[in-house]
Amino acid sequence: MGIQVQTPRIIMRDWEDGDLEHFARINSDPLVMEFYPERLDDKASENLVKNFQKHIDQKGYGFFALEHAETKAFMGFAGLARVPSDLPFAPAVELAWRLDYDYWGSGYASEIANALIEKAFGDYGLDQIVAYCMQDHGRAVHILEKLGFSEDKKGAFAYAPKRSKSRKHDYRLFRFKKV
């Protein structure tokens, strides 16, 4: 498929073999993973990339690798994907991202998210997308509100991923509807 979305500073593209080492490092970083159920080891990161690619192959969209347009450095991932079927608001398509700490605070998350929102309502023909984050994840909440997502106060939920060893965590649900 190649490049999926390109902004002035970010290329969202298919996964490449060389991405896994960087992705595994990001997934084991305590700062990056502070508001995720658990940090991931190399094998879990590899499985995640395989699941991401499977979703892409089946649906034509999903969570893609992010590359810095100027330096070509791996930045993390972002995209749109179907939420797990065991979430209380499924079926739905979520917007999500995870960036290496080096790219925090420079507007990269908002930049790629805006491009993905445009793609969701344009190319993919969606009427609504969702996003969710742990209850106390202020940085994510700030970005989602800045993007125009509205919190679904009745949609708050407790959840632990099926394959996770972690306990359930409280999450906030946000929605963005096509105008």
N, C-alpha and C. Protein backbone atom coordinates (compact mmCIF):
# COMPACT_ATOMS: atom_id res chain seq x y z
N MET A 1 0.80 -1.21 0.00
CA MET A 1 0.00 0.00 0.00
C MET A 1 0.84 1.26 0.00
N GLY A 2 2.00 1.23 0.64
CA GLY A 2 2.88 2.39 0.66
C GLY A 2 2.44 3.45 1.64
N ILE A 3 2.53 4.70 1.21
CA ILE A 3 2.17 5.84 2.06
C ILE A 3 0.65 5.96 2.13
N GLN A 4 0.11 6.09 3.34
CA GLN A 4 -1.32 6.22 3.56
C GLN A 4 -1.75 7.67 3.72
N VAL A 5 -0.99 8.41 4.50
CA VAL A 5 -1.26 9.82 4.78
C VAL A 5 0.08 10.51 4.87
N GLN A 6 0.14 11.72 4.34
CA GLN A 6 1.35 12.51 4.51
C GLN A 6 0.97 13.92 4.88
N THR A 7 1.63 14.41 5.92
CA THR A 7 1.48 15.80 6.33
C THR A 7 2.83 16.47 6.06
N PRO A 8 2.95 17.76 6.29
CA PRO A 8 4.25 18.39 6.05
C PRO A 8 5.41 17.76 6.84
N ARG A 9 5.10 17.18 8.02
CA ARG A 9 6.19 16.65 8.86
C ARG A 9 6.14 15.14 9.09
N ILE A 10 5.05 14.49 8.70
CA ILE A 10 4.87 13.08 9.06
C ILE A 10 4.42 12.27 7.85
N ILE A 11 4.98 11.07 7.73
CA ILE A 11 4.54 10.10 6.73
C ILE A 11 3.95 8.91 7.49
N MET A 12 2.69 8.60 7.21
CA MET A 12 2.05 7.41 7.76
C MET A 12 2.12 6.35 6.68
N ARG A 13 2.82 5.25 6.99
CA ARG A 13 3.11 4.26 5.95
C ARG A 13 2.97 2.85 6.48
N ASP A 14 3.09 1.89 5.56
CA ASP A 14 3.09 0.48 5.94
C ASP A 14 4.27 0.19 6.87
N TRP A 15 4.12 -0.88 7.65
CA TRP A 15 5.18 -1.31 8.54
C TRP A 15 6.32 -1.94 7.76
N GLU A 16 7.54 -1.69 8.21
CA GLU A 16 8.74 -2.27 7.61
C GLU A 16 9.49 -3.08 8.66
N ASP A 17 10.30 -4.02 8.23
CA ASP A 17 11.03 -4.88 9.16
C ASP A 17 11.83 -4.08 10.19
N GLY A 18 12.44 -3.00 9.77
CA GLY A 18 13.28 -2.21 10.66
C GLY A 18 12.51 -1.44 11.73
N ASP A 19 11.19 -1.40 11.62
CA ASP A 19 10.38 -0.65 12.59
C ASP A 19 10.26 -1.35 13.94
N LEU A 20 10.32 -2.67 13.93
CA LEU A 20 10.01 -3.44 15.13
C LEU A 20 10.92 -3.11 16.31
N GLU A 21 12.19 -2.98 16.07
CA GLU A 21 13.12 -2.66 17.17
C GLU A 21 12.76 -1.33 17.83
N HIS A 22 12.45 -0.33 17.02
CA HIS A 22 12.08 0.99 17.55
C HIS A 22 10.73 0.93 18.25
N PHE A 23 9.78 0.20 17.66
CA PHE A 23 8.46 0.07 18.24
C PHE A 23 8.53 -0.63 19.60
N ALA A 24 9.32 -1.68 19.69
CA ALA A 24 9.48 -2.40 20.96
C ALA A 24 10.09 -1.49 22.03
N ARG A 25 11.04 -0.67 21.65
CA ARG A 25 11.66 0.28 22.60
C ARG A 25 10.61 1.26 23.13
N ILE A 26 9.77 1.78 22.23
CA ILE A 26 8.71 2.72 22.63
C ILE A 26 7.74 2.03 23.60
N ASN A 27 7.37 0.79 23.29
CA ASN A 27 6.39 0.06 24.09
C ASN A 27 6.92 -0.37 25.45
N SER A 28 8.22 -0.31 25.64
CA SER A 28 8.79 -0.66 26.94
C SER A 28 9.19 0.59 27.73
N ASP A 29 9.01 1.76 27.15
CA ASP A 29 9.37 3.01 27.81
C ASP A 29 8.33 3.36 28.88
N PRO A 30 8.74 3.47 30.15
CA PRO A 30 7.76 3.74 31.21
C PRO A 30 7.05 5.08 31.05
N LEU A 31 7.71 6.05 30.47
CA LEU A 31 7.09 7.36 30.27
C LEU A 31 6.01 7.29 29.20
N VAL A 32 6.33 6.68 28.07
CA VAL A 32 5.37 6.55 26.97
C VAL A 32 4.18 5.69 27.40
N MET A 33 4.44 4.65 28.17
CA MET A 33 3.41 3.68 28.52
C MET A 33 2.73 3.96 29.86
N GLU A 34 2.96 5.13 30.42
CA GLU A 34 2.41 5.47 31.73
C GLU A 34 0.90 5.25 31.81
N PHE A 35 0.18 5.58 30.77
CA PHE A 35 -1.28 5.48 30.78
C PHE A 35 -1.80 4.34 29.92
N TYR A 36 -1.04 3.28 29.82
CA TYR A 36 -1.46 2.05 29.17
C TYR A 36 -1.46 0.95 30.22
N PRO A 37 -2.23 -0.11 30.01
CA PRO A 37 -2.35 -1.14 31.05
C PRO A 37 -1.01 -1.75 31.47
N GLU A 38 -0.08 -1.89 30.53
CA GLU A 38 1.22 -2.48 30.86
C GLU A 38 2.22 -2.15 29.77
N ARG A 39 3.49 -2.18 30.14
CA ARG A 39 4.54 -2.06 29.14
C ARG A 39 4.64 -3.39 28.40
N LEU A 40 5.10 -3.33 27.16
CA LEU A 40 5.15 -4.52 26.33
C LEU A 40 6.58 -4.96 26.10
N ASP A 41 6.80 -6.27 26.09
CA ASP A 41 8.11 -6.80 25.75
C ASP A 41 8.23 -6.92 24.23
N ASP A 42 9.38 -7.38 23.76
CA ASP A 42 9.62 -7.48 22.32
C ASP A 42 8.60 -8.37 21.62
N LYS A 43 8.28 -9.51 22.23
CA LYS A 43 7.35 -10.45 21.61
C LYS A 43 5.95 -9.85 21.51
N ALA A 44 5.50 -9.17 22.57
CA ALA A 44 4.18 -8.53 22.55
C ALA A 44 4.14 -7.43 21.49
N SER A 45 5.23 -6.68 21.34
CA SER A 45 5.29 -5.64 20.31
C SER A 45 5.23 -6.24 18.92
N GLU A 46 5.93 -7.35 18.72
CA GLU A 46 5.90 -8.04 17.43
C GLU A 46 4.48 -8.53 17.13
N ASN A 47 3.82 -9.11 18.11
CA ASN A 47 2.44 -9.58 17.93
C ASN A 47 1.50 -8.42 17.61
N LEU A 48 1.72 -7.29 18.24
CA LEU A 48 0.89 -6.11 17.98
C LEU A 48 1.04 -5.66 16.53
N VAL A 49 2.27 -5.61 16.04
CA VAL A 49 2.49 -5.22 14.64
C VAL A 49 1.82 -6.21 13.70
N LYS A 50 1.90 -7.50 14.01
CA LYS A 50 1.23 -8.52 13.18
C LYS A 50 -0.28 -8.29 13.16
N ASN A 51 -0.86 -8.00 14.34
CA ASN A 51 -2.30 -7.72 14.42
C ASN A 51 -2.66 -6.44 13.68
N PHE A 52 -1.81 -5.43 13.80
CA PHE A 52 -2.05 -4.18 13.06
C PHE A 52 -2.09 -4.48 11.56
N GLN A 53 -1.09 -5.23 11.08
CA GLN A 53 -1.01 -5.52 9.64
C GLN A 53 -2.18 -6.39 9.18
N LYS A 54 -2.62 -7.32 10.02
CA LYS A 54 -3.76 -8.17 9.69
C LYS A 54 -5.01 -7.31 9.50
N HIS A 55 -5.23 -6.36 10.40
CA HIS A 55 -6.38 -5.45 10.29
C HIS A 55 -6.28 -4.63 9.00
N ILE A 56 -5.09 -4.13 8.71
CA ILE A 56 -4.87 -3.35 7.48
C ILE A 56 -5.21 -4.20 6.26
N ASP A 57 -4.71 -5.44 6.25
CA ASP A 57 -4.94 -6.33 5.10
C ASP A 57 -6.43 -6.65 4.93
N GLN A 58 -7.15 -6.80 6.04
CA GLN A 58 -8.57 -7.15 5.98
C GLN A 58 -9.46 -5.96 5.68
N LYS A 59 -9.16 -4.80 6.27
CA LYS A 59 -10.06 -3.64 6.21
C LYS A 59 -9.57 -2.54 5.26
N GLY A 60 -8.29 -2.55 4.93
CA GLY A 60 -7.75 -1.48 4.08
C GLY A 60 -7.32 -0.26 4.87
N TYR A 61 -7.49 -0.30 6.16
CA TYR A 61 -7.03 0.77 7.04
C TYR A 61 -6.65 0.15 8.38
N GLY A 62 -6.02 0.91 9.24
CA GLY A 62 -5.59 0.39 10.53
C GLY A 62 -4.55 1.29 11.15
N PHE A 63 -3.71 0.70 12.00
CA PHE A 63 -2.64 1.45 12.66
C PHE A 63 -1.35 1.25 11.87
N PHE A 64 -0.86 2.36 11.33
CA PHE A 64 0.31 2.35 10.47
C PHE A 64 1.52 2.95 11.19
N ALA A 65 2.69 2.67 10.66
CA ALA A 65 3.93 3.25 11.19
C ALA A 65 4.00 4.73 10.82
N LEU A 66 4.61 5.51 11.72
CA LEU A 66 4.84 6.93 11.46
C LEU A 66 6.33 7.17 11.26
N GLU A 67 6.63 7.96 10.25
CA GLU A 67 8.01 8.29 9.92
C GLU A 67 8.13 9.80 9.82
N HIS A 68 9.19 10.34 10.38
CA HIS A 68 9.45 11.78 10.28
C HIS A 68 9.80 12.09 8.82
N ALA A 69 9.10 13.02 8.21
CA ALA A 69 9.26 13.29 6.77
C ALA A 69 10.67 13.75 6.43
N GLU A 70 11.30 14.52 7.30
CA GLU A 70 12.64 15.06 7.00
C GLU A 70 13.75 14.08 7.35
N THR A 71 13.72 13.51 8.55
CA THR A 71 14.82 12.66 9.01
C THR A 71 14.63 11.19 8.68
N LYS A 72 13.39 10.79 8.34
CA LYS A 72 13.02 9.39 8.06
C LYS A 72 13.06 8.52 9.32
N ALA A 73 13.14 9.12 10.49
CA ALA A 73 13.17 8.37 11.75
C ALA A 73 11.78 7.81 12.06
N PHE A 74 11.75 6.62 12.68
CA PHE A 74 10.50 6.02 13.13
C PHE A 74 10.00 6.82 14.33
N MET A 75 8.72 7.21 14.29
CA MET A 75 8.15 8.07 15.33
C MET A 75 7.16 7.34 16.24
N GLY A 76 6.57 6.24 15.77
CA GLY A 76 5.52 5.55 16.51
C GLY A 76 4.48 5.04 15.56
N PHE A 77 3.21 5.05 15.99
CA PHE A 77 2.13 4.62 15.11
C PHE A 77 0.92 5.51 15.29
N ALA A 78 0.05 5.47 14.30
CA ALA A 78 -1.24 6.16 14.37
C ALA A 78 -2.15 5.54 13.33
N GLY A 79 -3.44 5.76 13.52
CA GLY A 79 -4.37 5.28 12.52
C GLY A 79 -5.78 5.15 13.04
N LEU A 80 -6.57 4.47 12.25
CA LEU A 80 -7.98 4.21 12.52
C LEU A 80 -8.17 2.70 12.45
N ALA A 81 -8.88 2.14 13.44
CA ALA A 81 -9.10 0.70 13.44
C ALA A 81 -10.38 0.37 14.19
N ARG A 82 -10.94 -0.78 13.89
CA ARG A 82 -12.11 -1.25 14.63
C ARG A 82 -11.69 -1.53 16.07
N VAL A 83 -12.54 -1.16 17.00
CA VAL A 83 -12.25 -1.41 18.41
C VAL A 83 -12.48 -2.89 18.72
N PRO A 84 -11.84 -3.41 19.74
CA PRO A 84 -12.09 -4.80 20.14
C PRO A 84 -13.58 -5.03 20.40
N SER A 85 -14.06 -6.19 20.02
CA SER A 85 -15.49 -6.47 20.12
C SER A 85 -16.01 -6.55 21.55
N ASP A 86 -15.12 -6.68 22.52
CA ASP A 86 -15.57 -6.78 23.91
C ASP A 86 -15.69 -5.41 24.60
N LEU A 87 -15.44 -4.33 23.87
CA LEU A 87 -15.65 -3.00 24.45
C LEU A 87 -17.14 -2.68 24.43
N PRO A 88 -17.63 -1.97 25.44
CA PRO A 88 -19.08 -1.75 25.54
C PRO A 88 -19.68 -0.89 24.44
N PHE A 89 -18.88 -0.15 23.70
CA PHE A 89 -19.39 0.71 22.63
C PHE A 89 -19.11 0.14 21.24
N ALA A 90 -18.63 -1.10 21.17
CA ALA A 90 -18.40 -1.75 19.88
C ALA A 90 -19.75 -2.07 19.23
N PRO A 91 -19.81 -2.08 17.91
CA PRO A 91 -18.73 -1.80 16.98
C PRO A 91 -18.50 -0.30 16.80
N ALA A 92 -17.26 0.05 16.59
CA ALA A 92 -16.87 1.44 16.35
C ALA A 92 -15.47 1.45 15.74
N VAL A 93 -15.12 2.57 15.15
CA VAL A 93 -13.77 2.77 14.63
C VAL A 93 -13.10 3.82 15.50
N GLU A 94 -11.91 3.48 15.99
CA GLU A 94 -11.19 4.39 16.87
C GLU A 94 -10.02 5.07 16.16
N LEU A 95 -9.73 6.26 16.64
CA LEU A 95 -8.52 6.99 16.28
C LEU A 95 -7.55 6.78 17.42
N ALA A 96 -6.32 6.38 17.12
CA ALA A 96 -5.32 6.18 18.17
C ALA A 96 -3.94 6.52 17.64
N TRP A 97 -3.04 6.80 18.57
CA TRP A 97 -1.65 7.08 18.24
C TRP A 97 -0.79 6.73 19.44
N ARG A 98 0.47 6.48 19.19
CA ARG A 98 1.49 6.32 20.22
C ARG A 98 2.80 6.82 19.64
N LEU A 99 3.33 7.85 20.24
CA LEU A 99 4.55 8.47 19.74
C LEU A 99 5.72 8.26 20.70
N ASP A 100 6.89 8.12 20.14
CA ASP A 100 8.12 8.10 20.92
C ASP A 100 8.20 9.42 21.70
N TYR A 101 8.72 9.37 22.90
CA TYR A 101 8.78 10.55 23.76
C TYR A 101 9.47 11.74 23.08
N ASP A 102 10.45 11.48 22.23
CA ASP A 102 11.17 12.56 21.53
C ASP A 102 10.26 13.44 20.69
N TYR A 103 9.06 12.95 20.37
CA TYR A 103 8.13 13.69 19.50
C TYR A 103 6.94 14.28 20.26
N TRP A 104 6.98 14.23 21.56
CA TRP A 104 5.92 14.82 22.37
C TRP A 104 6.08 16.34 22.42
N GLY A 105 4.97 17.03 22.52
CA GLY A 105 4.98 18.47 22.77
C GLY A 105 5.29 19.34 21.57
N SER A 106 5.30 18.76 20.39
CA SER A 106 5.61 19.53 19.18
C SER A 106 4.46 19.53 18.18
N GLY A 107 3.28 19.09 18.59
CA GLY A 107 2.11 19.12 17.73
C GLY A 107 1.99 17.95 16.76
N TYR A 108 2.86 16.95 16.87
CA TYR A 108 2.80 15.82 15.93
C TYR A 108 1.51 15.01 16.08
N ALA A 109 1.09 14.76 17.33
CA ALA A 109 -0.14 13.97 17.54
C ALA A 109 -1.34 14.68 16.92
N SER A 110 -1.46 15.97 17.14
CA SER A 110 -2.58 16.73 16.56
C SER A 110 -2.50 16.75 15.04
N GLU A 111 -1.30 16.89 14.52
CA GLU A 111 -1.12 16.96 13.06
C GLU A 111 -1.57 15.67 12.38
N ILE A 112 -1.12 14.53 12.89
CA ILE A 112 -1.51 13.27 12.24
C ILE A 112 -2.98 12.97 12.51
N ALA A 113 -3.46 13.30 13.71
CA ALA A 113 -4.87 13.04 14.04
C ALA A 113 -5.80 13.85 13.14
N ASN A 114 -5.49 15.11 12.90
CA ASN A 114 -6.32 15.92 11.99
C ASN A 114 -6.36 15.32 10.59
N ALA A 115 -5.22 14.85 10.12
CA ALA A 115 -5.18 14.22 8.79
C ALA A 115 -6.01 12.93 8.77
N LEU A 116 -5.98 12.19 9.87
CA LEU A 116 -6.75 10.95 9.94
C LEU A 116 -8.25 11.21 10.05
N ILE A 117 -8.64 12.25 10.76
CA ILE A 117 -10.06 12.63 10.84
C ILE A 117 -10.58 12.96 9.44
N GLU A 118 -9.81 13.71 8.70
CA GLU A 118 -10.19 14.06 7.32
C GLU A 118 -10.34 12.80 6.48
N LYS A 119 -9.42 11.86 6.62
CA LYS A 119 -9.46 10.60 5.86
C LYS A 119 -10.66 9.75 6.29
N ALA A 120 -10.96 9.72 7.59
CA ALA A 120 -12.07 8.92 8.11
C ALA A 120 -13.39 9.36 7.49
N PHE A 121 -13.62 10.66 7.43
CA PHE A 121 -14.89 11.17 6.94
C PHE A 121 -14.91 11.35 5.42
N GLY A 122 -13.74 11.35 4.81
CA GLY A 122 -13.64 11.47 3.36
C GLY A 122 -13.50 10.10 2.71
N ASP A 123 -12.27 9.62 2.60
CA ASP A 123 -11.97 8.37 1.89
C ASP A 123 -12.71 7.16 2.46
N TYR A 124 -12.82 7.08 3.79
CA TYR A 124 -13.42 5.90 4.42
C TYR A 124 -14.93 6.01 4.59
N GLY A 125 -15.50 7.20 4.40
CA GLY A 125 -16.93 7.37 4.46
C GLY A 125 -17.57 7.11 5.83
N LEU A 126 -16.81 7.28 6.89
CA LEU A 126 -17.35 7.06 8.24
C LEU A 126 -18.19 8.25 8.68
N ASP A 127 -19.16 7.99 9.54
CA ASP A 127 -20.00 9.05 10.11
C ASP A 127 -19.53 9.47 11.49
N GLN A 128 -18.78 8.57 12.15
CA GLN A 128 -18.32 8.84 13.51
C GLN A 128 -17.05 8.05 13.78
N ILE A 129 -16.16 8.62 14.58
CA ILE A 129 -15.02 7.89 15.11
C ILE A 129 -14.98 8.12 16.61
N VAL A 130 -14.33 7.21 17.32
CA VAL A 130 -14.20 7.32 18.76
C VAL A 130 -12.73 7.33 19.15
N ALA A 131 -12.48 7.72 20.36
CA ALA A 131 -11.16 7.61 20.97
C ALA A 131 -11.40 7.37 22.45
N TYR A 132 -10.48 6.68 23.08
CA TYR A 132 -10.62 6.47 24.51
C TYR A 132 -9.24 6.49 25.15
N CYS A 133 -9.23 6.85 26.42
CA CYS A 133 -7.97 6.92 27.16
C CYS A 133 -8.25 6.67 28.63
N MET A 134 -7.21 6.32 29.37
CA MET A 134 -7.37 6.12 30.80
C MET A 134 -7.86 7.40 31.45
N GLN A 135 -8.60 7.22 32.50
CA GLN A 135 -9.27 8.32 33.21
C GLN A 135 -8.36 9.52 33.49
N ASP A 136 -7.14 9.28 33.92
CA ASP A 136 -6.24 10.36 34.34
C ASP A 136 -5.26 10.83 33.26
N HIS A 137 -5.46 10.44 32.03
CA HIS A 137 -4.50 10.76 30.96
C HIS A 137 -4.77 12.16 30.41
N GLY A 138 -4.35 13.16 31.17
CA GLY A 138 -4.62 14.56 30.83
C GLY A 138 -4.09 14.99 29.48
N ARG A 139 -2.91 14.50 29.09
CA ARG A 139 -2.33 14.91 27.80
C ARG A 139 -3.22 14.45 26.65
N ALA A 140 -3.70 13.20 26.70
CA ALA A 140 -4.57 12.69 25.63
C ALA A 140 -5.89 13.43 25.61
N VAL A 141 -6.46 13.68 26.79
CA VAL A 141 -7.73 14.42 26.87
C VAL A 141 -7.57 15.80 26.24
N HIS A 142 -6.47 16.46 26.55
CA HIS A 142 -6.21 17.80 25.99
C HIS A 142 -6.19 17.75 24.46
N ILE A 143 -5.47 16.79 23.91
CA ILE A 143 -5.37 16.67 22.44
C ILE A 143 -6.74 16.36 21.84
N LEU A 144 -7.47 15.41 22.43
CA LEU A 144 -8.78 15.04 21.89
C LEU A 144 -9.74 16.22 21.90
N GLU A 145 -9.75 16.98 22.98
CA GLU A 145 -10.63 18.14 23.05
C GLU A 145 -10.21 19.20 22.04
N LYS A 146 -8.92 19.39 21.87
CA LYS A 146 -8.41 20.36 20.89
C LYS A 146 -8.80 19.95 19.46
N LEU A 147 -8.86 18.65 19.21
CA LEU A 147 -9.23 18.14 17.89
C LEU A 147 -10.73 18.28 17.61
N GLY A 148 -11.53 18.45 18.66
CA GLY A 148 -12.97 18.58 18.48
C GLY A 148 -13.77 17.37 18.94
N PHE A 149 -13.12 16.41 19.59
CA PHE A 149 -13.84 15.28 20.15
C PHE A 149 -14.65 15.75 21.35
N SER A 150 -15.81 15.14 21.56
CA SER A 150 -16.65 15.42 22.72
C SER A 150 -16.65 14.20 23.62
N GLU A 151 -16.52 14.44 24.92
CA GLU A 151 -16.54 13.32 25.85
C GLU A 151 -17.97 12.78 25.98
N ASP A 152 -18.10 11.47 25.89
CA ASP A 152 -19.36 10.79 26.12
C ASP A 152 -19.35 10.39 27.60
N LYS A 153 -19.87 11.26 28.44
CA LYS A 153 -19.80 11.05 29.89
C LYS A 153 -20.49 9.75 30.32
N LYS A 154 -21.51 9.34 29.58
CA LYS A 154 -22.21 8.09 29.90
C LYS A 154 -21.44 6.88 29.37
N GLY A 155 -20.40 7.14 28.57
CA GLY A 155 -19.65 6.05 27.96
C GLY A 155 -18.44 5.59 28.73
N ALA A 156 -18.17 6.18 29.90
CA ALA A 156 -17.01 5.76 30.70
C ALA A 156 -17.12 4.26 30.99
N PHE A 157 -15.99 3.57 31.01
CA PHE A 157 -16.00 2.13 31.19
C PHE A 157 -14.72 1.64 31.85
N ALA A 158 -14.79 0.46 32.43
CA ALA A 158 -13.62 -0.23 32.99
C ALA A 158 -13.27 -1.36 32.03
N TYR A 159 -11.96 -1.55 31.81
CA TYR A 159 -11.56 -2.51 30.78
C TYR A 159 -10.13 -3.00 31.02
N ALA A 160 -9.91 -4.26 30.68
CA ALA A 160 -8.57 -4.85 30.59
C ALA A 160 -8.56 -5.65 29.29
N PRO A 161 -7.60 -5.39 28.41
CA PRO A 161 -7.53 -6.15 27.16
C PRO A 161 -7.49 -7.66 27.42
N LYS A 162 -8.08 -8.44 26.52
CA LYS A 162 -8.18 -9.89 26.68
C LYS A 162 -6.83 -10.55 26.97
N ARG A 163 -5.81 -10.16 26.26
CA ARG A 163 -4.50 -10.80 26.40
C ARG A 163 -3.62 -10.15 27.46
N SER A 164 -4.18 -9.18 28.17
CA SER A 164 -3.40 -8.46 29.17
C SER A 164 -3.41 -9.18 30.51
N LYS A 165 -2.32 -9.04 31.23
CA LYS A 165 -2.23 -9.57 32.58
C LYS A 165 -2.65 -8.52 33.60
N SER A 166 -2.96 -7.34 33.14
CA SER A 166 -3.26 -6.23 34.05
C SER A 166 -4.71 -6.27 34.53
N ARG A 167 -4.95 -5.54 35.59
CA ARG A 167 -6.30 -5.39 36.12
C ARG A 167 -7.08 -4.44 35.22
N LYS A 168 -8.37 -4.35 35.46
CA LYS A 168 -9.19 -3.40 34.71
C LYS A 168 -8.83 -1.97 35.12
N HIS A 169 -8.88 -1.08 34.14
CA HIS A 169 -8.63 0.35 34.37
C HIS A 169 -9.86 1.13 33.92
N ASP A 170 -10.04 2.31 34.49
CA ASP A 170 -11.16 3.18 34.11
C ASP A 170 -10.76 4.03 32.92
N TYR A 171 -11.65 4.08 31.93
CA TYR A 171 -11.40 4.81 30.69
C TYR A 171 -12.48 5.85 30.45
N ARG A 172 -12.10 6.88 29.72
CA ARG A 172 -13.03 7.91 29.24
C ARG A 172 -13.22 7.69 27.74
N LEU A 173 -14.45 7.86 27.29
CA LEU A 173 -14.79 7.67 25.88
C LEU A 173 -15.09 9.03 25.25
N PHE A 174 -14.54 9.25 24.05
CA PHE A 174 -14.75 10.47 23.29
C PHE A 174 -15.29 10.12 21.91
N ARG A 175 -16.13 11.00 21.38
CA ARG A 175 -16.71 10.77 20.05
C ARG A 175 -16.50 12.01 19.17
N PHE A 176 -16.35 11.75 17.88
CA PHE A 176 -16.24 12.83 16.89
C PHE A 176 -17.18 12.42 15.76
N LYS A 177 -18.21 13.25 15.54
CA LYS A 177 -19.20 12.94 14.52
C LYS A 177 -19.00 13.84 13.31
N LYS A 178 -19.24 13.26 12.15
CA LYS A 178 -19.16 14.00 10.89
C LYS A 178 -20.20 15.11 10.90
N VAL A 179 -19.81 16.27 10.47
CA VAL A 179 -20.73 17.42 10.45
C VAL A 179 -21.44 17.49 9.11
